[in-house]
C-alpha atoms as a PDB file:
ATOM      1  CA  MET A   1       3.318 -14.762  -8.503  1.00  0.00           C
ATOM      2  CA  ALA A   2       6.161 -13.720  -7.364  1.00  0.00           C
ATOM      3  CA  LYS A   3       8.512 -15.035  -5.486  1.00  0.00           C
ATOM      4  CA  ALA A   4       7.692 -14.057  -2.180  1.00  0.00           C
ATOM      5  CA  SER A   5      10.749 -13.283  -0.544  1.00  0.00           C
ATOM      6  CA  ALA A   6      11.468 -10.467  -4.019  1.00  0.00           C
ATOM      7  CA  ILE A   7       8.020  -8.746  -2.690  1.00  0.00           C
ATOM      8  CA  GLN A   8       9.533  -8.880   0.646  1.00  0.00           C
ATOM      9  CA  ARG A   9      12.224  -7.590  -0.095  1.00  0.00           C
ATOM     10  CA  ASN A  10      10.776  -4.862  -1.828  1.00  0.00           C
ATOM     11  CA  LEU A  11       7.955  -4.071   1.135  1.00  0.00           C
ATOM     12  CA  LYS A  12      10.878  -3.783   3.557  1.00  0.00           C
ATOM     13  CA  ARG A  13      12.818  -1.841   0.884  1.00  0.00           C
ATOM     14  CA  GLN A  14       9.277   0.898   1.458  1.00  0.00           C
ATOM     15  CA  ARG A  15       9.571   0.661   4.887  1.00  0.00           C
ATOM     16  CA  LEU A  16      13.061   2.138   5.394  1.00  0.00           C
ATOM     17  CA  VAL A  17      11.815   4.779   2.276  1.00  0.00           C
ATOM     18  CA  GLU A  18       9.058   5.489   5.173  1.00  0.00           C
ATOM     19  CA  LYS A  19      11.690   6.244   8.325  1.00  0.00           C
ATOM     20  CA  TYR A  20      14.416   7.594   7.232  1.00  0.00           C
ATOM     21  CA  ALA A  21      12.147   9.623   4.682  1.00  0.00           C
ATOM     22  CA  ALA A  22      12.710  13.161   6.254  1.00  0.00           C
ATOM     23  CA  ARG A  23      16.330  12.564   7.124  1.00  0.00           C
ATOM     24  CA  ARG A  24      17.120  12.559   3.769  1.00  0.00           C
ATOM     25  CA  ALA A  25      15.327  15.310   2.919  1.00  0.00           C
ATOM     26  CA  GLU A  26      16.676  17.396   5.698  1.00  0.00           C
ATOM     27  CA  LEU A  27      20.328  16.947   4.292  1.00  0.00           C
ATOM     28  CA  LYS A  28      19.228  17.173   0.659  1.00  0.00           C
ATOM     29  CA  LYS A  29      18.143  20.125   1.772  1.00  0.00           C
ATOM     30  CA  ILE A  30      21.126  21.413   3.391  1.00  0.00           C
ATOM     31  CA  LEU A  31      23.089  19.878   0.599  1.00  0.00           C
ATOM     32  CA  ALA A  32      20.987  21.586  -2.329  1.00  0.00           C
ATOM     33  CA  ASP A  33      21.192  25.374  -0.477  1.00  0.00           C
ATOM     34  CA  PRO A  34      24.105  27.303  -1.796  1.00  0.00           C
ATOM     35  CA  GLU A  35      23.973  29.281   1.278  1.00  0.00           C
ATOM     36  CA  THR A  36      25.858  25.710   2.683  1.00  0.00           C
ATOM     37  CA  THR A  37      29.549  26.330   4.129  1.00  0.00           C
ATOM     38  CA  ASP A  38      31.393  23.893   2.935  1.00  0.00           C
ATOM     39  CA  GLU A  39      31.636  21.785   6.403  1.00  0.00           C
ATOM     40  CA  ALA A  40      28.710  21.836   6.198  1.00  0.00           C
ATOM     41  CA  PHE A  41      27.586  20.447   2.631  1.00  0.00           C
ATOM     42  CA  PHE A  42      30.839  17.647   3.819  1.00  0.00           C
ATOM     43  CA  GLU A  43      29.172  16.476   6.974  1.00  0.00           C
ATOM     44  CA  ALA A  44      25.556  16.438   5.200  1.00  0.00           C
ATOM     45  CA  GLN A  45      26.666  14.208   2.751  1.00  0.00           C
ATOM     46  CA  ARG A  46      28.705  11.792   5.157  1.00  0.00           C
ATOM     47  CA  GLU A  47      25.664  11.873   6.942  1.00  0.00           C
ATOM     48  CA  LEU A  48      23.583  10.594   3.831  1.00  0.00           C
ATOM     49  CA  ALA A  49      26.295   8.121   3.054  1.00  0.00           C
ATOM     50  CA  LYS A  50      25.894   6.413   6.625  1.00  0.00           C
ATOM     51  CA  LEU A  51      21.883   6.245   6.022  1.00  0.00           C
ATOM     52  CA  PRO A  52      20.067   2.540   4.565  1.00  0.00           C
ATOM     53  CA  ARG A  53      20.618   2.136   1.077  1.00  0.00           C
ATOM     54  CA  ASN A  54      17.686   0.707   1.013  1.00  0.00           C
ATOM     55  CA  SER A  55      16.352   4.138   2.548  1.00  0.00           C
ATOM     56  CA  SER A  56      16.236   5.645  -1.107  1.00  0.00           C
ATOM     57  CA  VAL A  57      13.544   6.029  -2.476  1.00  0.00           C
ATOM     58  CA  VAL A  58      15.372   4.550  -6.542  1.00  0.00           C
ATOM     59  CA  ARG A  59      15.675   1.808  -4.481  1.00  0.00           C
ATOM     60  CA  VAL A  60      11.839   0.228  -4.225  1.00  0.00           C
ATOM     61  CA  HIS A  61      10.182  -1.116  -7.426  1.00  0.00           C
ATOM     62  CA  ASN A  62       6.541  -0.672  -8.339  1.00  0.00           C
ATOM     63  CA  ARG A  63       4.395  -4.197  -8.213  1.00  0.00           C
ATOM     64  CA  CYS A  64       1.138  -5.444  -9.247  1.00  0.00           C
ATOM     65  CA  ALA A  65      -1.217  -4.920  -5.927  1.00  0.00           C
ATOM     66  CA  SER A  66      -2.611  -8.379  -6.418  1.00  0.00           C
ATOM     67  CA  THR A  67       0.206 -11.003  -8.314  1.00  0.00           C
ATOM     68  CA  GLY A  68       3.925  -8.447  -7.624  1.00  0.00           C
ATOM     69  CA  ARG A  69       4.592  -8.837 -10.821  1.00  0.00           C
ATOM     70  CA  PRO A  70       7.821  -6.230 -11.830  1.00  0.00           C
ATOM     71  CA  ARG A  71       7.149  -5.415 -15.147  1.00  0.00           C
ATOM     72  CA  ALA A  72       4.418  -3.783 -16.608  1.00  0.00           C
ATOM     73  CA  TYR A  73       3.225  -2.056 -14.397  1.00  0.00           C
ATOM     74  CA  ILE A  74       0.245   0.262 -14.511  1.00  0.00           C
ATOM     75  CA  ARG A  75       0.506   3.117 -12.247  1.00  0.00           C
ATOM     76  CA  ARG A  76      -2.949   4.264 -12.212  1.00  0.00           C
ATOM     77  CA  PHE A  77      -4.673   1.844 -11.502  1.00  0.00           C
ATOM     78  CA  ARG A  78      -1.489  -0.422  -9.401  1.00  0.00           C
ATOM     79  CA  LEU A  79      -1.054  -3.557 -11.860  1.00  0.00           C
ATOM     80  CA  SER A  80       0.557  -5.448 -14.330  1.00  0.00           C
ATOM     81  CA  ARG A  81      -0.758  -5.370 -17.350  1.00  0.00           C
ATOM     82  CA  ILE A  82      -2.104  -9.233 -17.082  1.00  0.00           C
ATOM     83  CA  ALA A  83      -3.083  -8.878 -13.487  1.00  0.00           C
ATOM     84  CA  PHE A  84      -5.264  -5.439 -15.419  1.00  0.00           C
ATOM     85  CA  ARG A  85      -5.950  -7.215 -18.022  1.00  0.00           C
ATOM     86  CA  GLU A  86      -8.332  -9.526 -15.696  1.00  0.00           C
ATOM     87  CA  LEU A  87      -9.426  -7.086 -13.839  1.00  0.00           C
ATOM     88  CA  ALA A  88     -10.898  -5.164 -16.747  1.00  0.00           C
ATOM     89  CA  LEU A  89     -12.462  -8.206 -18.742  1.00  0.00           C
ATOM     90  CA  ALA A  90     -14.566  -9.613 -14.996  1.00  0.00           C
ATOM     91  CA  GLY A  91     -15.508  -6.064 -15.171  1.00  0.00           C
ATOM     92  CA  LYS A  92     -13.511  -5.629 -11.681  1.00  0.00           C
ATOM     93  CA  ILE A  93     -12.728  -2.350 -12.002  1.00  0.00           C
ATOM     94  CA  PRO A  94     -14.646   0.183 -12.485  1.00  0.00           C
ATOM     95  CA  GLY A  95     -14.878   2.965 -15.537  1.00  0.00           C
ATOM     96  CA  VAL A  96     -13.030   0.791 -17.743  1.00  0.00           C
ATOM     97  CA  THR A  97     -14.869  -0.686 -20.312  1.00  0.00           C
ATOM     98  CA  LYS A  98     -12.818  -2.525 -23.093  1.00  0.00           C
ATOM     99  CA  SER A  99     -13.120  -0.681 -26.987  1.00  0.00           C
ATOM    100  CA  SER A 100     -13.646  -1.333 -30.096  1.00  0.00           C
ATOM    101  CA  TRP A 101     -14.069   0.390 -33.527  1.00  0.00           C
END
């Protein structure tokens, strides 16, 4: 099990991303538009820099839903490889069977 503080920190980041997603998207749209004036561009850049750093999507780390483990994450199941293996062998993940040949 991961440290509770690390899990909570990641949840806080996820909440910040959701909170600022619309504002961040507006500013990025202004920055990406080739018709934007220089003044508007630099103003959008300043506003984007004022937003909290943890409101950026790249700051959120994928973690296992059951254990909170940050490494060996399988996106499709939202589990780490260890938790996935345990649940798959126990037959608790529908449609997953152990291969043999």
